[in-house]
C-alpha atoms as a PDB file:
ATOM      1  CA  UNK A   1       0.000   0.000   0.000  1.00  0.00           C
ATOM      2  CA  UNK A   2       1.330   3.432  -0.911  1.00  0.00           C
ATOM      3  CA  UNK A   3       0.134   6.843   0.144  1.00  0.00           C
ATOM      4  CA  UNK A   4       0.897  10.490  -0.417  1.00  0.00           C
ATOM      5  CA  UNK A   5       0.573  12.857   2.520  1.00  0.00           C
ATOM      6  CA  UNK A   6       0.349  16.651   2.428  1.00  0.00           C
ATOM      7  CA  UNK A   7      -1.180  19.346   4.602  1.00  0.00           C
ATOM      8  CA  UNK A   8      -4.756  18.617   3.581  1.00  0.00           C
ATOM      9  CA  UNK A   9      -5.300  14.954   2.791  1.00  0.00           C
ATOM     10  CA  UNK A  10      -3.977  11.441   2.674  1.00  0.00           C
ATOM     11  CA  UNK A  11      -4.507   9.360  -0.480  1.00  0.00           C
ATOM     12  CA  UNK A  12      -4.267   5.578  -0.256  1.00  0.00           C
ATOM     13  CA  UNK A  13      -3.891   3.458  -3.377  1.00  0.00           C
ATOM     14  CA  UNK A  14      -4.660  -0.215  -2.852  1.00  0.00           C
ATOM     15  CA  UNK A  15      -6.725  -3.127  -4.154  1.00  0.00           C
ATOM     16  CA  UNK A  16      -7.704  -4.045  -0.619  1.00  0.00           C
ATOM     17  CA  UNK A  17     -10.195  -2.342   1.668  1.00  0.00           C
ATOM     18  CA  UNK A  18      -8.295   0.497   3.313  1.00  0.00           C
ATOM     19  CA  UNK A  19      -8.703   1.829   6.838  1.00  0.00           C
ATOM     20  CA  UNK A  20      -7.406   5.261   7.946  1.00  0.00           C
ATOM     21  CA  UNK A  21      -4.433   5.229  10.274  1.00  0.00           C
ATOM     22  CA  UNK A  22      -5.307   5.907  13.916  1.00  0.00           C
ATOM     23  CA  UNK A  23      -2.587   8.480  14.304  1.00  0.00           C
ATOM     24  CA  UNK A  24      -3.760  10.818  11.524  1.00  0.00           C
ATOM     25  CA  UNK A  25      -4.200  14.436  12.564  1.00  0.00           C
ATOM     26  CA  UNK A  26      -7.804  15.357  13.294  1.00  0.00           C
ATOM     27  CA  UNK A  27      -7.919  18.137  10.698  1.00  0.00           C
ATOM     28  CA  UNK A  28      -6.800  15.855   7.836  1.00  0.00           C
ATOM     29  CA  UNK A  29      -9.247  14.325   5.360  1.00  0.00           C
ATOM     30  CA  UNK A  30      -8.738  10.789   4.004  1.00  0.00           C
ATOM     31  CA  UNK A  31      -9.661  10.085   0.401  1.00  0.00           C
ATOM     32  CA  UNK A  32      -9.530   6.402  -0.466  1.00  0.00           C
ATOM     33  CA  UNK A  33      -8.952   5.019  -3.916  1.00  0.00           C
ATOM     34  CA  UNK A  34     -10.548   1.572  -3.558  1.00  0.00           C
ATOM     35  CA  UNK A  35     -10.071  -0.642  -6.575  1.00  0.00           C
ATOM     36  CA  UNK A  36      -9.703   2.362  -8.830  1.00  0.00           C
ATOM     37  CA  UNK A  37     -12.803   4.263  -7.594  1.00  0.00           C
ATOM     38  CA  UNK A  38     -12.312   7.749  -6.153  1.00  0.00           C
ATOM     39  CA  UNK A  39     -14.231   7.955  -2.882  1.00  0.00           C
ATOM     40  CA  UNK A  40     -14.536  11.737  -2.914  1.00  0.00           C
ATOM     41  CA  UNK A  41     -17.077  13.896  -1.132  1.00  0.00           C
ATOM     42  CA  UNK A  42     -19.075  14.021  -4.362  1.00  0.00           C
ATOM     43  CA  UNK A  43     -19.209  10.214  -4.531  1.00  0.00           C
ATOM     44  CA  UNK A  44     -20.324   9.963  -0.913  1.00  0.00           C
ATOM     45  CA  UNK A  45     -22.974  12.633  -1.535  1.00  0.00           C
ATOM     46  CA  UNK A  46     -24.346  10.736  -4.547  1.00  0.00           C
ATOM     47  CA  UNK A  47     -24.425   7.522  -2.514  1.00  0.00           C
ATOM     48  CA  UNK A  48     -26.428   9.241   0.221  1.00  0.00           C
ATOM     49  CA  UNK A  49     -28.858  10.679  -2.334  1.00  0.00           C
ATOM     50  CA  UNK A  50     -29.398   7.239  -3.887  1.00  0.00           C
ATOM     51  CA  UNK A  51     -30.093   5.810  -0.441  1.00  0.00           C
ATOM     52  CA  UNK A  52     -32.605   8.571   0.323  1.00  0.00           C
ATOM     53  CA  UNK A  53     -34.304   8.036  -3.034  1.00  0.00           C
ATOM     54  CA  UNK A  54     -34.527   4.292  -2.434  1.00  0.00           C
ATOM     55  CA  UNK A  55     -36.077   4.754   1.005  1.00  0.00           C
ATOM     56  CA  UNK A  56     -38.162   7.805   0.069  1.00  0.00           C
ATOM     57  CA  UNK A  57     -41.601   6.124   0.538  1.00  0.00           C
ATOM     58  CA  UNK A  58     -40.631   5.033   4.057  1.00  0.00           C
ATOM     59  CA  UNK A  59     -39.186   8.449   4.864  1.00  0.00           C
ATOM     60  CA  UNK A  60     -42.254  10.281   3.535  1.00  0.00           C
ATOM     61  CA  UNK A  61     -44.594   7.969   5.449  1.00  0.00           C
ATOM     62  CA  UNK A  62     -42.619   8.573   8.633  1.00  0.00           C
ATOM     63  CA  UNK A  63     -42.764  12.320   8.080  1.00  0.00           C
ATOM     64  CA  UNK A  64     -46.495  12.055   7.442  1.00  0.00           C
ATOM     65  CA  UNK A  65     -47.090  10.200  10.705  1.00  0.00           C
ATOM     66  CA  UNK A  66     -44.994  12.761  12.554  1.00  0.00           C
ATOM     67  CA  UNK A  67     -46.924  15.525  10.795  1.00  0.00           C
ATOM     68  CA  UNK A  68     -50.257  14.171  12.030  1.00  0.00           C
ATOM     69  CA  UNK A  69     -49.103  14.365  15.639  1.00  0.00           C
ATOM     70  CA  UNK A  70     -47.501  17.782  15.111  1.00  0.00           C
ATOM     71  CA  UNK A  71     -50.654  19.152  13.484  1.00  0.00           C
ATOM     72  CA  UNK A  72     -52.792  17.984  16.390  1.00  0.00           C
ATOM     73  CA  UNK A  73     -50.414  19.442  18.983  1.00  0.00           C
ATOM     74  CA  UNK A  74     -50.153  22.795  17.194  1.00  0.00           C
ATOM     75  CA  UNK A  75     -53.929  22.991  16.813  1.00  0.00           C
ATOM     76  CA  UNK A  76     -54.449  22.301  20.521  1.00  0.00           C
ATOM     77  CA  UNK A  77     -51.897  24.912  21.479  1.00  0.00           C
ATOM     78  CA  UNK A  78     -53.481  27.486  19.156  1.00  0.00           C
ATOM     79  CA  UNK A  79     -56.955  26.998  20.621  1.00  0.00           C
ATOM     80  CA  UNK A  80     -56.452  29.056  23.853  1.00  0.00           C
ATOM     81  CA  UNK A  81     -55.189  32.004  21.821  1.00  0.00           C
ATOM     82  CA  UNK A  82     -58.142  31.699  19.437  1.00  0.00           C
ATOM     83  CA  UNK A  83     -60.574  31.575  22.360  1.00  0.00           C
ATOM     84  CA  UNK A  84     -58.911  34.658  23.859  1.00  0.00           C
ATOM     85  CA  UNK A  85     -59.331  36.572  20.582  1.00  0.00           C
ATOM     86  CA  UNK A  86     -62.992  35.559  20.365  1.00  0.00           C
ATOM     87  CA  UNK A  87     -63.566  36.594  23.959  1.00  0.00           C
ATOM     88  CA  UNK A  88     -61.849  39.922  23.353  1.00  0.00           C
ATOM     89  CA  UNK A  89     -63.947  40.517  20.233  1.00  0.00           C
ATOM     90  CA  UNK A  90     -67.094  39.721  22.186  1.00  0.00           C
ATOM     91  CA  UNK A  91     -66.180  42.220  24.895  1.00  0.00           C
ATOM     92  CA  UNK A  92     -65.496  44.951  22.340  1.00  0.00           C
ATOM     93  CA  UNK A  93     -68.853  44.323  20.681  1.00  0.00           C
ATOM     94  CA  UNK A  94     -70.585  44.453  24.024  1.00  0.00           C
ATOM     95  CA  UNK A  95     -69.015  47.819  24.878  1.00  0.00           C
ATOM     96  CA  UNK A  96     -69.887  49.230  21.435  1.00  0.00           C
ATOM     97  CA  UNK A  97     -73.668  49.438  21.167  1.00  0.00           C
ATOM     98  CA  UNK A  98     -73.538  49.797  17.390  1.00  0.00           C
ATOM     99  CA  UNK A  99     -71.743  46.408  17.071  1.00  0.00           C
ATOM    100  CA  UNK A 100     -73.768  44.361  19.522  1.00  0.00           C
ATOM    101  CA  UNK A 101     -74.221  41.411  17.196  1.00  0.00           C
ATOM    102  CA  UNK A 102     -73.471  37.755  17.813  1.00  0.00           C
ATOM    103  CA  UNK A 103     -70.221  36.427  16.416  1.00  0.00           C
ATOM    104  CA  UNK A 104     -71.012  34.347  13.332  1.00  0.00           C
ATOM    105  CA  UNK A 105     -69.045  31.417  11.949  1.00  0.00           C
ATOM    106  CA  UNK A 106     -67.551  33.643   9.267  1.00  0.00           C
ATOM    107  CA  UNK A 107     -66.529  36.146  11.968  1.00  0.00           C
ATOM    108  CA  UNK A 108     -64.919  33.314  13.925  1.00  0.00           C
ATOM    109  CA  UNK A 109     -62.829  32.301  10.892  1.00  0.00           C
ATOM    110  CA  UNK A 110     -61.767  35.898  10.228  1.00  0.00           C
ATOM    111  CA  UNK A 111     -60.729  36.394  13.854  1.00  0.00           C
ATOM    112  CA  UNK A 112     -58.897  33.110  14.497  1.00  0.00           C
ATOM    113  CA  UNK A 113     -57.475  31.956  11.137  1.00  0.00           C
ATOM    114  CA  UNK A 114     -54.006  33.283  11.869  1.00  0.00           C
ATOM    115  CA  UNK A 115     -53.877  31.183  15.033  1.00  0.00           C
ATOM    116  CA  UNK A 116     -54.393  27.974  13.101  1.00  0.00           C
ATOM    117  CA  UNK A 117     -52.302  28.901  10.057  1.00  0.00           C
ATOM    118  CA  UNK A 118     -49.124  27.077  11.210  1.00  0.00           C
ATOM    119  CA  UNK A 119     -51.101  23.920  12.024  1.00  0.00           C
ATOM    120  CA  UNK A 120     -52.859  24.148   8.660  1.00  0.00           C
ATOM    121  CA  UNK A 121     -49.542  24.434   6.790  1.00  0.00           C
ATOM    122  CA  UNK A 122     -48.146  21.437   8.652  1.00  0.00           C
ATOM    123  CA  UNK A 123     -51.329  19.512   7.845  1.00  0.00           C
ATOM    124  CA  UNK A 124     -50.989  20.324   4.141  1.00  0.00           C
ATOM    125  CA  UNK A 125     -47.345  19.219   4.210  1.00  0.00           C
ATOM    126  CA  UNK A 126     -48.404  16.020   5.967  1.00  0.00           C
ATOM    127  CA  UNK A 127     -50.948  15.246   3.258  1.00  0.00           C
ATOM    128  CA  UNK A 128     -48.294  15.964   0.620  1.00  0.00           C
ATOM    129  CA  UNK A 129     -45.972  13.420   2.274  1.00  0.00           C
ATOM    130  CA  UNK A 130     -48.607  10.671   2.149  1.00  0.00           C
ATOM    131  CA  UNK A 131     -49.558  11.534  -1.428  1.00  0.00           C
ATOM    132  CA  UNK A 132     -45.893  11.554  -2.451  1.00  0.00           C
ATOM    133  CA  UNK A 133     -45.213   8.173  -0.832  1.00  0.00           C
ATOM    134  CA  UNK A 134     -48.269   6.683  -2.520  1.00  0.00           C
ATOM    135  CA  UNK A 135     -47.282   8.154  -5.884  1.00  0.00           C
ATOM    136  CA  UNK A 136     -43.750   6.736  -5.647  1.00  0.00           C
ATOM    137  CA  UNK A 137     -45.098   3.297  -4.738  1.00  0.00           C
ATOM    138  CA  UNK A 138     -47.497   3.399  -7.698  1.00  0.00           C
ATOM    139  CA  UNK A 139     -44.663   4.245 -10.088  1.00  0.00           C
ATOM    140  CA  UNK A 140     -42.468   1.502  -8.682  1.00  0.00           C
ATOM    141  CA  UNK A 141     -45.255  -1.056  -8.867  1.00  0.00           C
ATOM    142  CA  UNK A 142     -45.914  -0.065 -12.485  1.00  0.00           C
ATOM    143  CA  UNK A 143     -42.230  -0.502 -13.265  1.00  0.00           C
ATOM    144  CA  UNK A 144     -42.199  -3.907 -11.569  1.00  0.00           C
ATOM    145  CA  UNK A 145     -45.293  -4.970 -13.495  1.00  0.00           C
ATOM    146  CA  UNK A 146     -43.657  -3.909 -16.753  1.00  0.00           C
ATOM    147  CA  UNK A 147     -40.473  -5.778 -15.847  1.00  0.00           C
ATOM    148  CA  UNK A 148     -42.515  -8.853 -14.928  1.00  0.00           C
ATOM    149  CA  UNK A 149     -44.272  -8.788 -18.301  1.00  0.00           C
ATOM    150  CA  UNK A 150     -40.958  -8.514 -20.143  1.00  0.00           C
ATOM    151  CA  UNK A 151     -39.444 -11.329 -18.084  1.00  0.00           C
ATOM    152  CA  UNK A 152     -42.508 -13.504 -18.604  1.00  0.00           C
ATOM    153  CA  UNK A 153     -42.397 -12.957 -22.370  1.00  0.00           C
ATOM    154  CA  UNK A 154     -38.679 -13.772 -22.450  1.00  0.00           C
ATOM    155  CA  UNK A 155     -39.233 -16.938 -20.421  1.00  0.00           C
ATOM    156  CA  UNK A 156     -42.027 -18.057 -22.720  1.00  0.00           C
ATOM    157  CA  UNK A 157     -39.843 -17.483 -25.793  1.00  0.00           C
ATOM    158  CA  UNK A 158     -37.024 -19.407 -24.147  1.00  0.00           C
ATOM    159  CA  UNK A 159     -39.290 -22.354 -23.307  1.00  0.00           C
ATOM    160  CA  UNK A 160     -40.631 -22.466 -26.854  1.00  0.00           C
ATOM    161  CA  UNK A 161     -37.111 -22.384 -28.289  1.00  0.00           C
ATOM    162  CA  UNK A 162     -35.985 -25.173 -25.925  1.00  0.00           C
ATOM    163  CA  UNK A 163     -38.820 -27.384 -27.162  1.00  0.00           C
ATOM    164  CA  UNK A 164     -37.970 -26.504 -30.753  1.00  0.00           C
ATOM    165  CA  UNK A 165     -34.270 -27.356 -30.342  1.00  0.00           C
ATOM    166  CA  UNK A 166     -34.256 -30.439 -28.091  1.00  0.00           C
ATOM    167  CA  UNK A 167     -37.808 -31.706 -28.609  1.00  0.00           C
ATOM    168  CA  UNK A 168     -40.905 -32.002 -26.444  1.00  0.00           C
ATOM    169  CA  UNK A 169     -39.896 -35.292 -24.792  1.00  0.00           C
ATOM    170  CA  UNK A 170     -36.517 -34.065 -23.571  1.00  0.00           C
ATOM    171  CA  UNK A 171     -38.050 -30.813 -22.392  1.00  0.00           C
ATOM    172  CA  UNK A 172     -40.574 -32.751 -20.316  1.00  0.00           C
ATOM    173  CA  UNK A 173     -37.778 -34.841 -18.775  1.00  0.00           C
ATOM    174  CA  UNK A 174     -35.962 -31.647 -17.763  1.00  0.00           C
ATOM    175  CA  UNK A 175     -39.163 -30.217 -16.303  1.00  0.00           C
ATOM    176  CA  UNK A 176     -39.849 -33.423 -14.378  1.00  0.00           C
ATOM    177  CA  UNK A 177     -36.353 -33.262 -12.909  1.00  0.00           C
ATOM    178  CA  UNK A 178     -36.960 -29.674 -11.806  1.00  0.00           C
ATOM    179  CA  UNK A 179     -40.232 -30.667 -10.149  1.00  0.00           C
ATOM    180  CA  UNK A 180     -38.485 -33.523  -8.342  1.00  0.00           C
ATOM    181  CA  UNK A 181     -35.811 -31.082  -7.135  1.00  0.00           C
ATOM    182  CA  UNK A 182     -38.538 -28.927  -5.595  1.00  0.00           C
ATOM    183  CA  UNK A 183     -39.718 -31.862  -3.494  1.00  0.00           C
ATOM    184  CA  UNK A 184     -36.147 -32.668  -2.484  1.00  0.00           C
ATOM    185  CA  UNK A 185     -35.438 -29.088  -1.461  1.00  0.00           C
ATOM    186  CA  UNK A 186     -38.738 -28.845   0.436  1.00  0.00           C
ATOM    187  CA  UNK A 187     -39.254 -32.400   1.757  1.00  0.00           C
ATOM    188  CA  UNK A 188     -42.535 -33.499   3.239  1.00  0.00           C
ATOM    189  CA  UNK A 189     -40.691 -34.950   6.243  1.00  0.00           C
ATOM    190  CA  UNK A 190     -39.807 -31.403   7.342  1.00  0.00           C
ATOM    191  CA  UNK A 191     -43.173 -29.809   6.573  1.00  0.00           C
ATOM    192  CA  UNK A 192     -46.681 -29.882   7.941  1.00  0.00           C
ATOM    193  CA  UNK A 193     -49.238 -31.748   5.854  1.00  0.00           C
ATOM    194  CA  UNK A 194     -52.470 -29.775   5.894  1.00  0.00           C
ATOM    195  CA  UNK A 195     -55.580 -31.908   6.387  1.00  0.00           C
ATOM    196  CA  UNK A 196     -58.399 -30.274   4.415  1.00  0.00           C
ATOM    197  CA  UNK A 197     -60.988 -32.990   4.984  1.00  0.00           C
ATOM    198  CA  UNK A 198     -61.520 -33.255   1.218  1.00  0.00           C
ATOM    199  CA  UNK A 199     -59.538 -36.402   0.487  1.00  0.00           C
ATOM    200  CA  UNK A 200     -56.508 -38.500   1.385  1.00  0.00           C
ATOM    201  CA  UNK A 201     -54.275 -37.973  -1.662  1.00  0.00           C
ATOM    202  CA  UNK A 202     -51.088 -36.040  -0.935  1.00  0.00           C
ATOM    203  CA  UNK A 203     -50.684 -32.828  -2.973  1.00  0.00           C
ATOM    204  CA  UNK A 204     -47.887 -30.272  -3.184  1.00  0.00           C
ATOM    205  CA  UNK A 205     -48.644 -26.712  -4.294  1.00  0.00           C
ATOM    206  CA  UNK A 206     -45.554 -25.458  -6.108  1.00  0.00           C
ATOM    207  CA  UNK A 207     -46.506 -21.800  -5.690  1.00  0.00           C
ATOM    208  CA  UNK A 208     -46.903 -21.671  -1.908  1.00  0.00           C
ATOM    209  CA  UNK A 209     -44.703 -24.692  -1.121  1.00  0.00           C
ATOM    210  CA  UNK A 210     -47.410 -26.375   0.990  1.00  0.00           C
ATOM    211  CA  UNK A 211     -48.333 -30.036   1.286  1.00  0.00           C
ATOM    212  CA  UNK A 212     -51.988 -30.889   1.783  1.00  0.00           C
ATOM    213  CA  UNK A 213     -54.384 -33.788   1.413  1.00  0.00           C
ATOM    214  CA  UNK A 214     -57.286 -33.647  -0.977  1.00  0.00           C
ATOM    215  CA  UNK A 215     -58.843 -35.497  -3.897  1.00  0.00           C
ATOM    216  CA  UNK A 216     -58.038 -35.138  -7.590  1.00  0.00           C
ATOM    217  CA  UNK A 217     -61.670 -34.749  -8.597  1.00  0.00           C
ATOM    218  CA  UNK A 218     -62.290 -32.092  -5.968  1.00  0.00           C
ATOM    219  CA  UNK A 219     -59.243 -30.132  -7.107  1.00  0.00           C
ATOM    220  CA  UNK A 220     -60.453 -30.293 -10.721  1.00  0.00           C
ATOM    221  CA  UNK A 221     -63.944 -29.279  -9.596  1.00  0.00           C
ATOM    222  CA  UNK A 222     -62.511 -26.251  -7.769  1.00  0.00           C
ATOM    223  CA  UNK A 223     -60.681 -25.258 -10.955  1.00  0.00           C
ATOM    224  CA  UNK A 224     -63.808 -25.659 -13.101  1.00  0.00           C
ATOM    225  CA  UNK A 225     -66.045 -23.772 -10.666  1.00  0.00           C
ATOM    226  CA  UNK A 226     -63.650 -20.837 -10.446  1.00  0.00           C
ATOM    227  CA  UNK A 227     -63.221 -20.664 -14.223  1.00  0.00           C
ATOM    228  CA  UNK A 228     -67.017 -20.800 -14.575  1.00  0.00           C
ATOM    229  CA  UNK A 229     -67.312 -17.780 -12.267  1.00  0.00           C
ATOM    230  CA  UNK A 230     -64.634 -16.029 -14.322  1.00  0.00           C
ATOM    231  CA  UNK A 231     -66.549 -16.664 -17.538  1.00  0.00           C
ATOM    232  CA  UNK A 232     -69.776 -15.649 -15.822  1.00  0.00           C
ATOM    233  CA  UNK A 233     -68.638 -12.089 -15.333  1.00  0.00           C
ATOM    234  CA  UNK A 234     -66.085 -12.018 -12.528  1.00  0.00           C
ATOM    235  CA  UNK A 235     -63.345  -9.633 -13.570  1.00  0.00           C
ATOM    236  CA  UNK A 236     -60.581 -11.280 -11.562  1.00  0.00           C
ATOM    237  CA  UNK A 237     -59.840 -14.695 -10.072  1.00  0.00           C
ATOM    238  CA  UNK A 238     -57.365 -14.433  -7.210  1.00  0.00           C
ATOM    239  CA  UNK A 239     -54.942 -17.097  -6.057  1.00  0.00           C
ATOM    240  CA  UNK A 240     -56.491 -16.980  -2.606  1.00  0.00           C
ATOM    241  CA  UNK A 241     -59.868 -17.859  -4.135  1.00  0.00           C
ATOM    242  CA  UNK A 242     -58.340 -21.124  -5.327  1.00  0.00           C
ATOM    243  CA  UNK A 243     -56.785 -21.805  -1.939  1.00  0.00           C
ATOM    244  CA  UNK A 244     -60.097 -21.214  -0.192  1.00  0.00           C
ATOM    245  CA  UNK A 245     -61.799 -23.686  -2.538  1.00  0.00           C
ATOM    246  CA  UNK A 246     -59.102 -26.233  -1.708  1.00  0.00           C
ATOM    247  CA  UNK A 247     -59.520 -25.700   2.030  1.00  0.00           C
ATOM    248  CA  UNK A 248     -56.170 -23.933   2.462  1.00  0.00           C
ATOM    249  CA  UNK A 249     -55.420 -20.711   4.302  1.00  0.00           C
ATOM    250  CA  UNK A 250     -54.910 -17.507   2.355  1.00  0.00           C
ATOM    251  CA  UNK A 251     -51.370 -16.294   1.678  1.00  0.00           C
ATOM    252  CA  UNK A 252     -49.806 -12.842   1.594  1.00  0.00           C
ATOM    253  CA  UNK A 253     -50.400 -11.086  -1.740  1.00  0.00           C
ATOM    254  CA  UNK A 254     -52.695 -13.934  -2.750  1.00  0.00           C
ATOM    255  CA  UNK A 255     -55.559 -11.490  -3.194  1.00  0.00           C
ATOM    256  CA  UNK A 256     -53.533  -9.266  -5.539  1.00  0.00           C
ATOM    257  CA  UNK A 257     -52.368 -11.953  -7.972  1.00  0.00           C
ATOM    258  CA  UNK A 258     -54.370 -14.362 -10.077  1.00  0.00           C
ATOM    259  CA  UNK A 259     -55.979 -14.736 -13.480  1.00  0.00           C
ATOM    260  CA  UNK A 260     -58.362 -12.886 -15.777  1.00  0.00           C
ATOM    261  CA  UNK A 261     -60.222 -13.879 -18.920  1.00  0.00           C
ATOM    262  CA  UNK A 262     -57.961 -11.703 -21.089  1.00  0.00           C
ATOM    263  CA  UNK A 263     -54.692 -12.706 -19.439  1.00  0.00           C
ATOM    264  CA  UNK A 264     -55.498 -16.396 -19.147  1.00  0.00           C
ATOM    265  CA  UNK A 265     -57.731 -18.676 -17.137  1.00  0.00           C
ATOM    266  CA  UNK A 266     -56.777 -21.005 -14.327  1.00  0.00           C
ATOM    267  CA  UNK A 267     -55.227 -24.210 -15.661  1.00  0.00           C
ATOM    268  CA  UNK A 268     -53.639 -26.576 -13.143  1.00  0.00           C
ATOM    269  CA  UNK A 269     -50.988 -29.045 -14.277  1.00  0.00           C
ATOM    270  CA  UNK A 270     -50.513 -32.241 -12.289  1.00  0.00           C
ATOM    271  CA  UNK A 271     -47.245 -34.123 -11.994  1.00  0.00           C
ATOM    272  CA  UNK A 272     -46.927 -37.375 -10.039  1.00  0.00           C
ATOM    273  CA  UNK A 273     -43.778 -37.731  -7.932  1.00  0.00           C
ATOM    274  CA  UNK A 274     -42.440 -39.633  -4.930  1.00  0.00           C
ATOM    275  CA  UNK A 275     -41.581 -37.770  -1.716  1.00  0.00           C
ATOM    276  CA  UNK A 276     -38.524 -38.367   0.468  1.00  0.00           C
ATOM    277  CA  UNK A 277     -40.686 -40.613   2.667  1.00  0.00           C
ATOM    278  CA  UNK A 278     -41.626 -42.818  -0.303  1.00  0.00           C
ATOM    279  CA  UNK A 279     -45.228 -41.568  -0.472  1.00  0.00           C
ATOM    280  CA  UNK A 280     -46.738 -40.739  -3.887  1.00  0.00           C
ATOM    281  CA  UNK A 281     -47.439 -37.018  -4.277  1.00  0.00           C
ATOM    282  CA  UNK A 282     -49.222 -34.960  -6.927  1.00  0.00           C
ATOM    283  CA  UNK A 283     -47.421 -31.701  -7.640  1.00  0.00           C
ATOM    284  CA  UNK A 284     -49.702 -28.823  -8.629  1.00  0.00           C
ATOM    285  CA  UNK A 285     -48.337 -26.282 -11.098  1.00  0.00           C
ATOM    286  CA  UNK A 286     -49.964 -23.593 -13.200  1.00  0.00           C
ATOM    287  CA  UNK A 287     -49.797 -23.431 -16.983  1.00  0.00           C
ATOM    288  CA  UNK A 288     -50.269 -19.672 -16.646  1.00  0.00           C
ATOM    289  CA  UNK A 289     -48.626 -18.223 -13.583  1.00  0.00           C
ATOM    290  CA  UNK A 290     -50.786 -15.952 -11.424  1.00  0.00           C
ATOM    291  CA  UNK A 291     -50.132 -12.326 -12.245  1.00  0.00           C
ATOM    292  CA  UNK A 292     -50.582  -9.090 -10.342  1.00  0.00           C
ATOM    293  CA  UNK A 293     -53.373  -6.800 -11.497  1.00  0.00           C
END
């Protein structure tokens, strides 16, 4: 490691992570050149800005929550002053016979609005924080949805090309091996088997990674009934709707993802495998993956 030292800074040049010497003077700045990257004040500033931008929804939400409490406190503190002004106005009207009129709501606003102006401004800023956080989340979700669509299209093209190059039979053998790997990585011996009361055949849901007991005909019936509702006018079929029909508990985000008539209907694929305990198991997959809408 080499370094150059002058009256203002120390520059280290190294391919390893550098640490400032303990005996450097307190008024000296250390600028590290780590693997060829200049860690200047500008670089640090940009890094901080990127971090703030990444966490901006959380920061804005936190500011909004703080703003709610601040608005309430400021409004409470402004109330005694507003009451004093109203009382003073009432006394002046009582002393002046020509102005002996009751204080109306409009009069109240004209007399006390300056008292509540700071609280009102904080309240507006609070609303802006919540709106900003929501707007950022909407933009990010739209970007994720767009990325998901692109990824899904690329995956579909890849799968079609694989079948075209190596043939349908070999592609199915590869897929079967992948399904078997899922059971090996998530063995039934280390998982709870959910008893639904709808059959004794062991199933594995590849999406949620849950084992449960049911019956093939009842699973097919659940699929047909849900697709019938979708054709009958339902705009959206959620993943949780399927789980409820199968007697399983709902999952996080299961109400936000699913199928539509335009995107594709529910089509369950069944693959018979053997678990690590030697028990036959039917693996449930989806020809069209549930999508967020």
